[in-house]
Protein backbone atom coordinates (compact mmCIF):
# COMPACT_ATOMS: atom_id res chain seq x y z
CA UNK A 1 0.00 0.00 0.00
CA UNK A 2 3.04 2.26 0.17
CA UNK A 3 6.58 2.54 -1.12
CA UNK A 4 10.00 3.16 0.32
CA UNK A 5 12.08 4.73 -2.43
CA UNK A 6 15.65 4.19 -1.31
CA UNK A 7 18.81 5.53 -2.85
CA UNK A 8 22.46 5.18 -1.90
CA UNK A 9 23.97 8.29 -0.27
CA UNK A 10 27.38 7.18 -1.57
CA UNK A 11 26.26 6.99 -5.22
CA UNK A 12 25.48 10.00 -7.40
CA UNK A 13 23.88 7.75 -10.03
CA UNK A 14 21.56 6.22 -7.46
CA UNK A 15 20.41 9.70 -6.45
CA UNK A 16 19.94 10.77 -10.07
CA UNK A 17 17.72 7.71 -10.65
CA UNK A 18 15.21 8.85 -8.01
CA UNK A 19 13.24 10.98 -10.48
CA UNK A 20 12.91 8.06 -12.89
CA UNK A 21 11.87 5.70 -10.10
CA UNK A 22 9.24 8.19 -8.95
CA UNK A 23 7.86 8.41 -12.48
CA UNK A 24 7.70 4.61 -12.64
CA UNK A 25 5.87 4.46 -9.30
CA UNK A 26 3.35 7.05 -10.40
CA UNK A 27 2.81 5.20 -13.66
CA UNK A 28 2.47 1.68 -12.23
CA UNK A 29 1.23 2.20 -8.67
CA UNK A 30 -2.20 1.34 -7.30
CA UNK A 31 -3.31 5.00 -7.47
CA UNK A 32 -2.32 8.37 -8.97
CA UNK A 33 -0.62 9.64 -5.81
CA UNK A 34 0.94 6.68 -3.97
CA UNK A 35 2.35 6.97 -0.46
CA UNK A 36 6.12 7.23 -0.85
CA UNK A 37 8.93 7.83 1.62
CA UNK A 38 12.28 8.94 0.18
CA UNK A 39 15.14 7.27 2.03
CA UNK A 40 18.85 7.94 1.74
CA UNK A 41 20.68 4.79 2.86
CA UNK A 42 24.26 4.31 4.10
CA UNK A 43 24.15 7.27 6.50
CA UNK A 44 26.86 5.48 8.48
CA UNK A 45 29.30 5.97 5.56
CA UNK A 46 29.86 9.70 6.05
CA UNK A 47 33.38 9.53 4.61
CA UNK A 48 32.00 8.11 1.32
CA UNK A 49 28.89 10.33 1.09
CA UNK A 50 28.39 12.13 -2.23
CA UNK A 51 24.77 13.27 -1.76
CA UNK A 52 24.31 15.93 0.93
CA UNK A 53 21.35 15.87 3.28
CA UNK A 54 20.28 19.32 2.08
CA UNK A 55 20.33 18.22 -1.58
CA UNK A 56 18.29 15.10 -0.85
CA UNK A 57 15.85 17.07 1.31
CA UNK A 58 15.43 19.62 -1.50
CA UNK A 59 14.44 16.82 -3.91
CA UNK A 60 12.05 15.33 -1.35
CA UNK A 61 10.44 18.74 -0.81
CA UNK A 62 10.04 19.19 -4.57
CA UNK A 63 7.91 16.03 -4.67
CA UNK A 64 6.29 16.60 -1.25
CA UNK A 65 7.85 13.44 0.17
CA UNK A 66 9.05 12.78 3.68
CA UNK A 67 12.82 12.28 3.73
CA UNK A 68 14.73 10.07 6.14
CA UNK A 69 18.37 9.01 6.21
CA UNK A 70 19.03 5.45 7.31
CA UNK A 71 21.75 2.90 7.73
CA UNK A 72 20.86 -0.70 7.09
CA UNK A 73 24.22 -1.58 8.66
CA UNK A 74 23.56 0.12 12.03
CA UNK A 75 19.72 0.09 11.83
CA UNK A 76 19.69 3.89 12.19
CA UNK A 77 16.16 5.20 11.47
CA UNK A 78 14.96 1.91 9.97
CA UNK A 79 12.10 1.61 12.46
CA UNK A 80 11.23 5.30 11.99
CA UNK A 81 11.05 4.81 8.22
CA UNK A 82 8.58 1.94 8.51
CA UNK A 83 6.49 3.81 11.09
CA UNK A 84 6.36 6.92 8.88
CA UNK A 85 5.19 4.89 5.88
CA UNK A 86 2.60 3.02 7.94
CA UNK A 87 1.26 6.31 9.27
CA UNK A 88 0.85 7.67 5.74
CA UNK A 89 -0.91 4.47 4.62
CA UNK A 90 -3.24 4.51 7.63
CA UNK A 91 -4.19 8.13 6.98
CA UNK A 92 -5.01 7.25 3.36
CA UNK A 93 -7.08 4.26 4.46
CA UNK A 94 -9.02 6.34 7.00
CA UNK A 95 -9.78 8.97 4.37
CA UNK A 96 -10.87 6.29 1.89
CA UNK A 97 -13.13 4.60 4.44
CA UNK A 98 -14.48 7.99 5.52
CA UNK A 99 -15.28 8.94 1.93
CA UNK A 100 -16.97 5.59 1.35
CA UNK A 101 -19.10 5.93 4.48
CA UNK A 102 -20.03 9.49 3.59
CA UNK A 103 -21.05 8.51 0.05
CA UNK A 104 -23.08 5.55 1.25
CA UNK A 105 -25.20 7.82 3.46
CA UNK A 106 -26.63 9.60 0.40
C-alpha atoms as a PDB file:
ATOM      1  CA  UNK A   1       0.000   0.000   0.000  1.00  0.00           C
ATOM      2  CA  UNK A   2       3.044   2.262   0.170  1.00  0.00           C
ATOM      3  CA  UNK A   3       6.584   2.540  -1.119  1.00  0.00           C
ATOM      4  CA  UNK A   4      10.002   3.164   0.325  1.00  0.00           C
ATOM      5  CA  UNK A   5      12.082   4.729  -2.431  1.00  0.00           C
ATOM      6  CA  UNK A   6      15.645   4.192  -1.313  1.00  0.00           C
ATOM      7  CA  UNK A   7      18.812   5.526  -2.853  1.00  0.00           C
ATOM      8  CA  UNK A   8      22.462   5.175  -1.899  1.00  0.00           C
ATOM      9  CA  UNK A   9      23.972   8.287  -0.269  1.00  0.00           C
ATOM     10  CA  UNK A  10      27.376   7.177  -1.573  1.00  0.00           C
ATOM     11  CA  UNK A  11      26.263   6.991  -5.221  1.00  0.00           C
ATOM     12  CA  UNK A  12      25.481   9.998  -7.395  1.00  0.00           C
ATOM     13  CA  UNK A  13      23.884   7.747 -10.027  1.00  0.00           C
ATOM     14  CA  UNK A  14      21.562   6.216  -7.458  1.00  0.00           C
ATOM     15  CA  UNK A  15      20.412   9.697  -6.445  1.00  0.00           C
ATOM     16  CA  UNK A  16      19.937  10.765 -10.072  1.00  0.00           C
ATOM     17  CA  UNK A  17      17.722   7.710 -10.652  1.00  0.00           C
ATOM     18  CA  UNK A  18      15.213   8.849  -8.006  1.00  0.00           C
ATOM     19  CA  UNK A  19      13.235  10.980 -10.483  1.00  0.00           C
ATOM     20  CA  UNK A  20      12.905   8.058 -12.891  1.00  0.00           C
ATOM     21  CA  UNK A  21      11.865   5.695 -10.097  1.00  0.00           C
ATOM     22  CA  UNK A  22       9.238   8.194  -8.949  1.00  0.00           C
ATOM     23  CA  UNK A  23       7.855   8.411 -12.484  1.00  0.00           C
ATOM     24  CA  UNK A  24       7.704   4.609 -12.637  1.00  0.00           C
ATOM     25  CA  UNK A  25       5.871   4.461  -9.295  1.00  0.00           C
ATOM     26  CA  UNK A  26       3.346   7.047 -10.398  1.00  0.00           C
ATOM     27  CA  UNK A  27       2.806   5.201 -13.659  1.00  0.00           C
ATOM     28  CA  UNK A  28       2.468   1.684 -12.233  1.00  0.00           C
ATOM     29  CA  UNK A  29       1.226   2.195  -8.672  1.00  0.00           C
ATOM     30  CA  UNK A  30      -2.197   1.341  -7.297  1.00  0.00           C
ATOM     31  CA  UNK A  31      -3.308   5.002  -7.471  1.00  0.00           C
ATOM     32  CA  UNK A  32      -2.318   8.369  -8.968  1.00  0.00           C
ATOM     33  CA  UNK A  33      -0.621   9.639  -5.814  1.00  0.00           C
ATOM     34  CA  UNK A  34       0.945   6.679  -3.975  1.00  0.00           C
ATOM     35  CA  UNK A  35       2.354   6.974  -0.463  1.00  0.00           C
ATOM     36  CA  UNK A  36       6.116   7.231  -0.851  1.00  0.00           C
ATOM     37  CA  UNK A  37       8.934   7.828   1.620  1.00  0.00           C
ATOM     38  CA  UNK A  38      12.283   8.939   0.182  1.00  0.00           C
ATOM     39  CA  UNK A  39      15.141   7.268   2.025  1.00  0.00           C
ATOM     40  CA  UNK A  40      18.849   7.938   1.739  1.00  0.00           C
ATOM     41  CA  UNK A  41      20.684   4.791   2.862  1.00  0.00           C
ATOM     42  CA  UNK A  42      24.259   4.314   4.098  1.00  0.00           C
ATOM     43  CA  UNK A  43      24.149   7.273   6.497  1.00  0.00           C
ATOM     44  CA  UNK A  44      26.861   5.485   8.483  1.00  0.00           C
ATOM     45  CA  UNK A  45      29.302   5.966   5.563  1.00  0.00           C
ATOM     46  CA  UNK A  46      29.855   9.698   6.054  1.00  0.00           C
ATOM     47  CA  UNK A  47      33.383   9.525   4.608  1.00  0.00           C
ATOM     48  CA  UNK A  48      32.004   8.105   1.318  1.00  0.00           C
ATOM     49  CA  UNK A  49      28.892  10.329   1.087  1.00  0.00           C
ATOM     50  CA  UNK A  50      28.393  12.129  -2.226  1.00  0.00           C
ATOM     51  CA  UNK A  51      24.768  13.275  -1.755  1.00  0.00           C
ATOM     52  CA  UNK A  52      24.310  15.934   0.933  1.00  0.00           C
ATOM     53  CA  UNK A  53      21.352  15.867   3.275  1.00  0.00           C
ATOM     54  CA  UNK A  54      20.279  19.324   2.080  1.00  0.00           C
ATOM     55  CA  UNK A  55      20.329  18.222  -1.576  1.00  0.00           C
ATOM     56  CA  UNK A  56      18.291  15.100  -0.851  1.00  0.00           C
ATOM     57  CA  UNK A  57      15.846  17.074   1.307  1.00  0.00           C
ATOM     58  CA  UNK A  58      15.432  19.615  -1.503  1.00  0.00           C
ATOM     59  CA  UNK A  59      14.442  16.821  -3.906  1.00  0.00           C
ATOM     60  CA  UNK A  60      12.046  15.327  -1.350  1.00  0.00           C
ATOM     61  CA  UNK A  61      10.441  18.745  -0.811  1.00  0.00           C
ATOM     62  CA  UNK A  62      10.043  19.192  -4.573  1.00  0.00           C
ATOM     63  CA  UNK A  63       7.911  16.034  -4.675  1.00  0.00           C
ATOM     64  CA  UNK A  64       6.287  16.603  -1.248  1.00  0.00           C
ATOM     65  CA  UNK A  65       7.847  13.441   0.168  1.00  0.00           C
ATOM     66  CA  UNK A  66       9.046  12.781   3.682  1.00  0.00           C
ATOM     67  CA  UNK A  67      12.822  12.281   3.726  1.00  0.00           C
ATOM     68  CA  UNK A  68      14.731  10.073   6.136  1.00  0.00           C
ATOM     69  CA  UNK A  69      18.372   9.014   6.207  1.00  0.00           C
ATOM     70  CA  UNK A  70      19.033   5.447   7.308  1.00  0.00           C
ATOM     71  CA  UNK A  71      21.745   2.901   7.734  1.00  0.00           C
ATOM     72  CA  UNK A  72      20.864  -0.703   7.089  1.00  0.00           C
ATOM     73  CA  UNK A  73      24.219  -1.583   8.663  1.00  0.00           C
ATOM     74  CA  UNK A  74      23.556   0.118  12.034  1.00  0.00           C
ATOM     75  CA  UNK A  75      19.717   0.087  11.828  1.00  0.00           C
ATOM     76  CA  UNK A  76      19.687   3.891  12.192  1.00  0.00           C
ATOM     77  CA  UNK A  77      16.164   5.201  11.473  1.00  0.00           C
ATOM     78  CA  UNK A  78      14.960   1.905   9.965  1.00  0.00           C
ATOM     79  CA  UNK A  79      12.105   1.614  12.461  1.00  0.00           C
ATOM     80  CA  UNK A  80      11.229   5.303  11.993  1.00  0.00           C
ATOM     81  CA  UNK A  81      11.053   4.812   8.222  1.00  0.00           C
ATOM     82  CA  UNK A  82       8.584   1.936   8.513  1.00  0.00           C
ATOM     83  CA  UNK A  83       6.493   3.812  11.087  1.00  0.00           C
ATOM     84  CA  UNK A  84       6.363   6.922   8.875  1.00  0.00           C
ATOM     85  CA  UNK A  85       5.194   4.893   5.882  1.00  0.00           C
ATOM     86  CA  UNK A  86       2.603   3.017   7.936  1.00  0.00           C
ATOM     87  CA  UNK A  87       1.262   6.309   9.275  1.00  0.00           C
ATOM     88  CA  UNK A  88       0.846   7.666   5.737  1.00  0.00           C
ATOM     89  CA  UNK A  89      -0.906   4.473   4.617  1.00  0.00           C
ATOM     90  CA  UNK A  90      -3.235   4.506   7.628  1.00  0.00           C
ATOM     91  CA  UNK A  91      -4.189   8.134   6.978  1.00  0.00           C
ATOM     92  CA  UNK A  92      -5.010   7.249   3.361  1.00  0.00           C
ATOM     93  CA  UNK A  93      -7.081   4.259   4.459  1.00  0.00           C
ATOM     94  CA  UNK A  94      -9.015   6.336   7.005  1.00  0.00           C
ATOM     95  CA  UNK A  95      -9.777   8.970   4.366  1.00  0.00           C
ATOM     96  CA  UNK A  96     -10.870   6.288   1.895  1.00  0.00           C
ATOM     97  CA  UNK A  97     -13.125   4.603   4.438  1.00  0.00           C
ATOM     98  CA  UNK A  98     -14.484   7.992   5.521  1.00  0.00           C
ATOM     99  CA  UNK A  99     -15.280   8.940   1.931  1.00  0.00           C
ATOM    100  CA  UNK A 100     -16.969   5.591   1.347  1.00  0.00           C
ATOM    101  CA  UNK A 101     -19.101   5.926   4.480  1.00  0.00           C
ATOM    102  CA  UNK A 102     -20.033   9.488   3.594  1.00  0.00           C
ATOM    103  CA  UNK A 103     -21.054   8.510   0.053  1.00  0.00           C
ATOM    104  CA  UNK A 104     -23.082   5.553   1.248  1.00  0.00           C
ATOM    105  CA  UNK A 105     -25.199   7.822   3.458  1.00  0.00           C
ATOM    106  CA  UNK A 106     -26.629   9.597   0.397  1.00  0.00           C
END
